[in-house]
PDB file of N, CA and C in Angstrom:
ATOM      1  N   UNK A   1      19.998  12.656  -8.818  1.00  0.00           N
ATOM      2  CA  UNK A   1      19.164  12.142  -7.742  1.00  0.00           C
ATOM      3  C   UNK A   1      17.749  11.872  -8.280  1.00  0.00           C
ATOM      4  N   UNK A   2      17.150  10.838  -7.794  1.00  0.00           N
ATOM      5  CA  UNK A   2      15.815  10.477  -8.259  1.00  0.00           C
ATOM      6  C   UNK A   2      14.744  11.195  -7.454  1.00  0.00           C
ATOM      7  N   UNK A   3      13.722  11.617  -8.147  1.00  0.00           N
ATOM      8  CA  UNK A   3      12.582  12.238  -7.468  1.00  0.00           C
ATOM      9  C   UNK A   3      11.481  11.188  -7.369  1.00  0.00           C
ATOM     10  N   UNK A   4      11.149  10.794  -6.154  1.00  0.00           N
ATOM     11  CA  UNK A   4      10.173   9.732  -5.934  1.00  0.00           C
ATOM     12  C   UNK A   4       8.985  10.274  -5.157  1.00  0.00           C
ATOM     13  N   UNK A   5       7.811   9.869  -5.561  1.00  0.00           N
ATOM     14  CA  UNK A   5       6.618  10.310  -4.843  1.00  0.00           C
ATOM     15  C   UNK A   5       5.629   9.156  -4.764  1.00  0.00           C
ATOM     16  N   UNK A   6       4.791   9.221  -3.772  1.00  0.00           N
ATOM     17  CA  UNK A   6       3.752   8.213  -3.573  1.00  0.00           C
ATOM     18  C   UNK A   6       2.419   8.841  -3.952  1.00  0.00           C
ATOM     19  N   UNK A   7       1.669   8.153  -4.777  1.00  0.00           N
ATOM     20  CA  UNK A   7       0.371   8.646  -5.189  1.00  0.00           C
ATOM     21  C   UNK A   7      -0.658   8.195  -4.142  1.00  0.00           C
ATOM     22  N   UNK A   8      -1.027   9.115  -3.265  1.00  0.00           N
ATOM     23  CA  UNK A   8      -1.913   8.767  -2.153  1.00  0.00           C
ATOM     24  C   UNK A   8      -3.329   8.452  -2.623  1.00  0.00           C
ATOM     25  N   UNK A   9      -3.757   9.044  -3.748  1.00  0.00           N
ATOM     26  CA  UNK A   9      -5.102   8.737  -4.229  1.00  0.00           C
ATOM     27  C   UNK A   9      -5.184   7.286  -4.692  1.00  0.00           C
ATOM     28  N   UNK A  10      -4.108   6.773  -5.300  1.00  0.00           N
ATOM     29  CA  UNK A  10      -4.102   5.365  -5.690  1.00  0.00           C
ATOM     30  C   UNK A  10      -4.086   4.468  -4.462  1.00  0.00           C
ATOM     31  N   UNK A  11      -3.314   4.839  -3.449  1.00  0.00           N
ATOM     32  CA  UNK A  11      -3.288   4.059  -2.208  1.00  0.00           C
ATOM     33  C   UNK A  11      -4.666   4.040  -1.560  1.00  0.00           C
ATOM     34  N   UNK A  12      -5.339   5.186  -1.568  1.00  0.00           N
ATOM     35  CA  UNK A  12      -6.672   5.265  -0.981  1.00  0.00           C
ATOM     36  C   UNK A  12      -7.649   4.399  -1.756  1.00  0.00           C
ATOM     37  N   UNK A  13      -7.559   4.428  -3.078  1.00  0.00           N
ATOM     38  CA  UNK A  13      -8.444   3.614  -3.911  1.00  0.00           C
ATOM     39  C   UNK A  13      -8.228   2.128  -3.632  1.00  0.00           C
ATOM     40  N   UNK A  14      -6.971   1.712  -3.544  1.00  0.00           N
ATOM     41  CA  UNK A  14      -6.666   0.307  -3.254  1.00  0.00           C
ATOM     42  C   UNK A  14      -7.157  -0.069  -1.861  1.00  0.00           C
ATOM     43  N   UNK A  15      -6.991   0.838  -0.902  1.00  0.00           N
ATOM     44  CA  UNK A  15      -7.429   0.551   0.466  1.00  0.00           C
ATOM     45  C   UNK A  15      -8.944   0.390   0.540  1.00  0.00           C
ATOM     46  N   UNK A  16      -9.669   1.257  -0.150  1.00  0.00           N
ATOM     47  CA  UNK A  16     -11.139   1.158  -0.142  1.00  0.00           C
ATOM     48  C   UNK A  16     -11.578  -0.144  -0.806  1.00  0.00           C
ATOM     49  N   UNK A  17     -10.949  -0.477  -1.934  1.00  0.00           N
ATOM     50  CA  UNK A  17     -11.290  -1.723  -2.626  1.00  0.00           C
ATOM     51  C   UNK A  17     -10.992  -2.931  -1.745  1.00  0.00           C
ATOM     52  N   UNK A  18      -9.830  -2.917  -1.085  1.00  0.00           N
ATOM     53  CA  UNK A  18      -9.466  -4.018  -0.190  1.00  0.00           C
ATOM     54  C   UNK A  18     -10.450  -4.142   0.959  1.00  0.00           C
ATOM     55  N   UNK A  19     -10.885  -3.022   1.494  1.00  0.00           N
ATOM     56  CA  UNK A  19     -11.841  -3.059   2.600  1.00  0.00           C
ATOM     57  C   UNK A  19     -13.178  -3.643   2.156  1.00  0.00           C
ATOM     58  N   UNK A  20     -13.617  -3.259   0.946  1.00  0.00           N
ATOM     59  CA  UNK A  20     -14.874  -3.807   0.433  1.00  0.00           C
ATOM     60  C   UNK A  20     -14.761  -5.309   0.181  1.00  0.00           C
ATOM     61  N   UNK A  21     -13.623  -5.740  -0.374  1.00  0.00           N
ATOM     62  CA  UNK A  21     -13.432  -7.174  -0.624  1.00  0.00           C
ATOM     63  C   UNK A  21     -13.428  -7.950   0.685  1.00  0.00           C
ATOM     64  N   UNK A  22     -12.722  -7.441   1.691  1.00  0.00           N
ATOM     65  CA  UNK A  22     -12.702  -8.118   2.988  1.00  0.00           C
ATOM     66  C   UNK A  22     -14.081  -8.142   3.625  1.00  0.00           C
ATOM     67  N   UNK A  23     -14.839  -7.073   3.454  1.00  0.00           N
ATOM     68  CA  UNK A  23     -16.186  -7.027   4.027  1.00  0.00           C
ATOM     69  C   UNK A  23     -17.082  -8.077   3.384  1.00  0.00           C
ATOM     70  N   UNK A  24     -16.964  -8.240   2.056  1.00  0.00           N
ATOM     71  CA  UNK A  24     -17.782  -9.238   1.360  1.00  0.00           C
ATOM     72  C   UNK A  24     -17.353 -10.649   1.751  1.00  0.00           C
ATOM     73  N   UNK A  25     -16.028 -10.886   1.816  1.00  0.00           N
ATOM     74  CA  UNK A  25     -15.538 -12.226   2.142  1.00  0.00           C
ATOM     75  C   UNK A  25     -15.878 -12.633   3.568  1.00  0.00           C
ATOM     76  N   UNK A  26     -15.876 -11.679   4.490  1.00  0.00           N
ATOM     77  CA  UNK A  26     -16.079 -12.001   5.906  1.00  0.00           C
ATOM     78  C   UNK A  26     -17.504 -11.703   6.367  1.00  0.00           C
ATOM     79  N   UNK A  27     -18.406 -11.439   5.437  1.00  0.00           N
ATOM     80  CA  UNK A  27     -19.758 -11.036   5.807  1.00  0.00           C
ATOM     81  C   UNK A  27     -20.482 -12.113   6.601  1.00  0.00           C
ATOM     82  N   UNK A  28     -20.379 -13.360   6.149  1.00  0.00           N
ATOM     83  CA  UNK A  28     -21.142 -14.411   6.806  1.00  0.00           C
ATOM     84  C   UNK A  28     -20.412 -15.079   7.955  1.00  0.00           C
ATOM     85  N   UNK A  29     -19.102 -15.062   7.934  1.00  0.00           N
ATOM     86  CA  UNK A  29     -18.341 -15.826   8.924  1.00  0.00           C
ATOM     87  C   UNK A  29     -17.946 -14.968  10.121  1.00  0.00           C
ATOM     88  N   UNK A  30     -16.864 -14.284   9.998  1.00  0.00           N
ATOM     89  CA  UNK A  30     -16.345 -13.487  11.102  1.00  0.00           C
ATOM     90  C   UNK A  30     -16.280 -12.042  10.643  1.00  0.00           C
ATOM     91  N   UNK A  31     -16.843 -11.164  11.432  1.00  0.00           N
ATOM     92  CA  UNK A  31     -16.805  -9.748  11.079  1.00  0.00           C
ATOM     93  C   UNK A  31     -15.446  -9.173  11.457  1.00  0.00           C
ATOM     94  N   UNK A  32     -14.736  -8.685  10.469  1.00  0.00           N
ATOM     95  CA  UNK A  32     -13.432  -8.076  10.706  1.00  0.00           C
ATOM     96  C   UNK A  32     -13.582  -6.577  10.493  1.00  0.00           C
ATOM     97  N   UNK A  33     -13.299  -5.824  11.519  1.00  0.00           N
ATOM     98  CA  UNK A  33     -13.378  -4.374  11.419  1.00  0.00           C
ATOM     99  C   UNK A  33     -12.037  -3.860  10.911  1.00  0.00           C
ATOM    100  N   UNK A  34     -11.987  -3.535   9.639  1.00  0.00           N
ATOM    101  CA  UNK A  34     -10.754  -3.074   9.020  1.00  0.00           C
ATOM    102  C   UNK A  34     -10.711  -1.556   9.115  1.00  0.00           C
ATOM    103  N   UNK A  35      -9.729  -1.062   9.807  1.00  0.00           N
ATOM    104  CA  UNK A  35      -9.561   0.381   9.931  1.00  0.00           C
ATOM    105  C   UNK A  35      -8.925   0.897   8.651  1.00  0.00           C
ATOM    106  N   UNK A  36      -9.625   1.778   7.966  1.00  0.00           N
ATOM    107  CA  UNK A  36      -9.161   2.286   6.680  1.00  0.00           C
ATOM    108  C   UNK A  36      -7.830   3.003   6.815  1.00  0.00           C
ATOM    109  N   UNK A  37      -7.653   3.722   7.905  1.00  0.00           N
ATOM    110  CA  UNK A  37      -6.386   4.440   8.096  1.00  0.00           C
ATOM    111  C   UNK A  37      -5.221   3.473   8.234  1.00  0.00           C
ATOM    112  N   UNK A  38      -5.439   2.362   8.917  1.00  0.00           N
ATOM    113  CA  UNK A  38      -4.370   1.369   9.071  1.00  0.00           C
ATOM    114  C   UNK A  38      -4.019   0.737   7.729  1.00  0.00           C
ATOM    115  N   UNK A  39      -5.028   0.481   6.902  1.00  0.00           N
ATOM    116  CA  UNK A  39      -4.772  -0.098   5.581  1.00  0.00           C
ATOM    117  C   UNK A  39      -3.988   0.882   4.719  1.00  0.00           C
ATOM    118  N   UNK A  40      -4.395   2.155   4.729  1.00  0.00           N
ATOM    119  CA  UNK A  40      -3.691   3.171   3.942  1.00  0.00           C
ATOM    120  C   UNK A  40      -2.259   3.314   4.431  1.00  0.00           C
ATOM    121  N   UNK A  41      -2.074   3.358   5.739  1.00  0.00           N
ATOM    122  CA  UNK A  41      -0.728   3.491   6.296  1.00  0.00           C
ATOM    123  C   UNK A  41       0.145   2.300   5.907  1.00  0.00           C
ATOM    124  N   UNK A  42      -0.421   1.098   5.947  1.00  0.00           N
ATOM    125  CA  UNK A  42       0.329  -0.089   5.548  1.00  0.00           C
ATOM    126  C   UNK A  42       0.731  -0.014   4.087  1.00  0.00           C
ATOM    127  N   UNK A  43      -0.204   0.405   3.220  1.00  0.00           N
ATOM    128  CA  UNK A  43       0.119   0.526   1.802  1.00  0.00           C
ATOM    129  C   UNK A  43       1.197   1.571   1.563  1.00  0.00           C
ATOM    130  N   UNK A  44       1.136   2.675   2.285  1.00  0.00           N
ATOM    131  CA  UNK A  44       2.143   3.726   2.131  1.00  0.00           C
ATOM    132  C   UNK A  44       3.511   3.220   2.569  1.00  0.00           C
ATOM    133  N   UNK A  45       3.558   2.521   3.701  1.00  0.00           N
ATOM    134  CA  UNK A  45       4.837   2.000   4.196  1.00  0.00           C
ATOM    135  C   UNK A  45       5.411   0.973   3.226  1.00  0.00           C
ATOM    136  N   UNK A  46       4.567   0.079   2.719  1.00  0.00           N
ATOM    137  CA  UNK A  46       5.035  -0.914   1.749  1.00  0.00           C
ATOM    138  C   UNK A  46       5.529  -0.218   0.486  1.00  0.00           C
ATOM    139  N   UNK A  47       4.814   0.820   0.054  1.00  0.00           N
ATOM    140  CA  UNK A  47       5.255   1.580  -1.118  1.00  0.00           C
ATOM    141  C   UNK A  47       6.585   2.265  -0.891  1.00  0.00           C
ATOM    142  N   UNK A  48       6.779   2.817   0.295  1.00  0.00           N
ATOM    143  CA  UNK A  48       8.045   3.484   0.606  1.00  0.00           C
ATOM    144  C   UNK A  48       9.195   2.481   0.644  1.00  0.00           C
ATOM    145  N   UNK A  49       8.959   1.308   1.231  1.00  0.00           N
ATOM    146  CA  UNK A  49      10.004   0.283   1.274  1.00  0.00           C
ATOM    147  C   UNK A  49      10.335  -0.190  -0.138  1.00  0.00           C
ATOM    148  N   UNK A  50       9.302  -0.409  -0.947  1.00  0.00           N
ATOM    149  CA  UNK A  50       9.527  -0.822  -2.332  1.00  0.00           C
ATOM    150  C   UNK A  50      10.294   0.222  -3.124  1.00  0.00           C
ATOM    151  N   UNK A  51       9.946   1.488  -2.922  1.00  0.00           N
ATOM    152  CA  UNK A  51      10.647   2.573  -3.605  1.00  0.00           C
ATOM    153  C   UNK A  51      12.097   2.636  -3.171  1.00  0.00           C
ATOM    154  N   UNK A  52      12.350   2.464  -1.883  1.00  0.00           N
ATOM    155  CA  UNK A  52      13.715   2.477  -1.356  1.00  0.00           C
ATOM    156  C   UNK A  52      14.545   1.343  -1.957  1.00  0.00           C
ATOM    157  N   UNK A  53      13.966   0.132  -1.973  1.00  0.00           N
ATOM    158  CA  UNK A  53      14.696  -1.009  -2.523  1.00  0.00           C
ATOM    159  C   UNK A  53      14.945  -0.842  -4.016  1.00  0.00           C
ATOM    160  N   UNK A  54      13.962  -0.312  -4.739  1.00  0.00           N
ATOM    161  CA  UNK A  54      14.117  -0.079  -6.175  1.00  0.00           C
ATOM    162  C   UNK A  54      15.200   0.963  -6.438  1.00  0.00           C
ATOM    163  N   UNK A  55      15.244   2.009  -5.616  1.00  0.00           N
ATOM    164  CA  UNK A  55      16.272   3.039  -5.760  1.00  0.00           C
ATOM    165  C   UNK A  55      17.654   2.453  -5.511  1.00  0.00           C
ATOM    166  N   UNK A  56      17.786   1.620  -4.503  1.00  0.00           N
ATOM    167  CA  UNK A  56      19.091   0.986  -4.225  1.00  0.00           C
ATOM    168  C   UNK A  56      19.514   0.083  -5.371  1.00  0.00           C
ATOM    169  N   UNK A  57      18.551  -0.618  -5.981  1.00  0.00           N
ATOM    170  CA  UNK A  57      18.861  -1.476  -7.115  1.00  0.00           C
ATOM    171  C   UNK A  57      19.382  -0.652  -8.286  1.00  0.00           C
ATOM    172  N   UNK A  58      18.750   0.486  -8.556  1.00  0.00           N
ATOM    173  CA  UNK A  58      19.196   1.360  -9.644  1.00  0.00           C
ATOM    174  C   UNK A  58      20.586   1.904  -9.349  1.00  0.00           C
ATOM    175  N   UNK A  59      20.820   2.319  -8.110  1.00  0.00           N
ATOM    176  CA  UNK A  59      22.126   2.869  -7.737  1.00  0.00           C
ATOM    177  C   UNK A  59      23.210   1.801  -7.886  1.00  0.00           C
ATOM    178  N   UNK A  60      22.906   0.556  -7.521  1.00  0.00           N
ATOM    179  CA  UNK A  60      23.891  -0.520  -7.653  1.00  0.00           C
ATOM    180  C   UNK A  60      24.207  -0.807  -9.113  1.00  0.00           C
ATOM    181  N   UNK A  61      23.211  -0.681  -9.986  1.00  0.00           N
ATOM    182  CA  UNK A  61      23.451  -0.923 -11.408  1.00  0.00           C
ATOM    183  C   UNK A  61      24.286   0.193 -12.023  1.00  0.00           C
ATOM    184  N   UNK A  62      24.102   1.420 -11.554  1.00  0.00           N
ATOM    185  CA  UNK A  62      24.829   2.559 -12.109  1.00  0.00           C
ATOM    186  C   UNK A  62      26.284   2.520 -11.678  1.00  0.00           C
ATOM    187  N   UNK A  63      26.529   2.150 -10.418  1.00  0.00           N
ATOM    188  CA  UNK A  63      27.908   2.168  -9.912  1.00  0.00           C
ATOM    189  C   UNK A  63      28.611   0.858 -10.163  1.00  0.00           C
TER     190      UNK A  63
END
């Protein structure tokens, strides 16, 4: 069985960077209030889905 884990510090770092980039891009036009928790949650969910699909791919190759 595979042991899979999500590195939350990397997700947090990516979320903070994404929030800063969006803040700079939208500074002059439209102010978008990006909730950091929503960004982190989205990254975690995408990571979990990616991990699940990758695990299924490995299992299909083994069997």
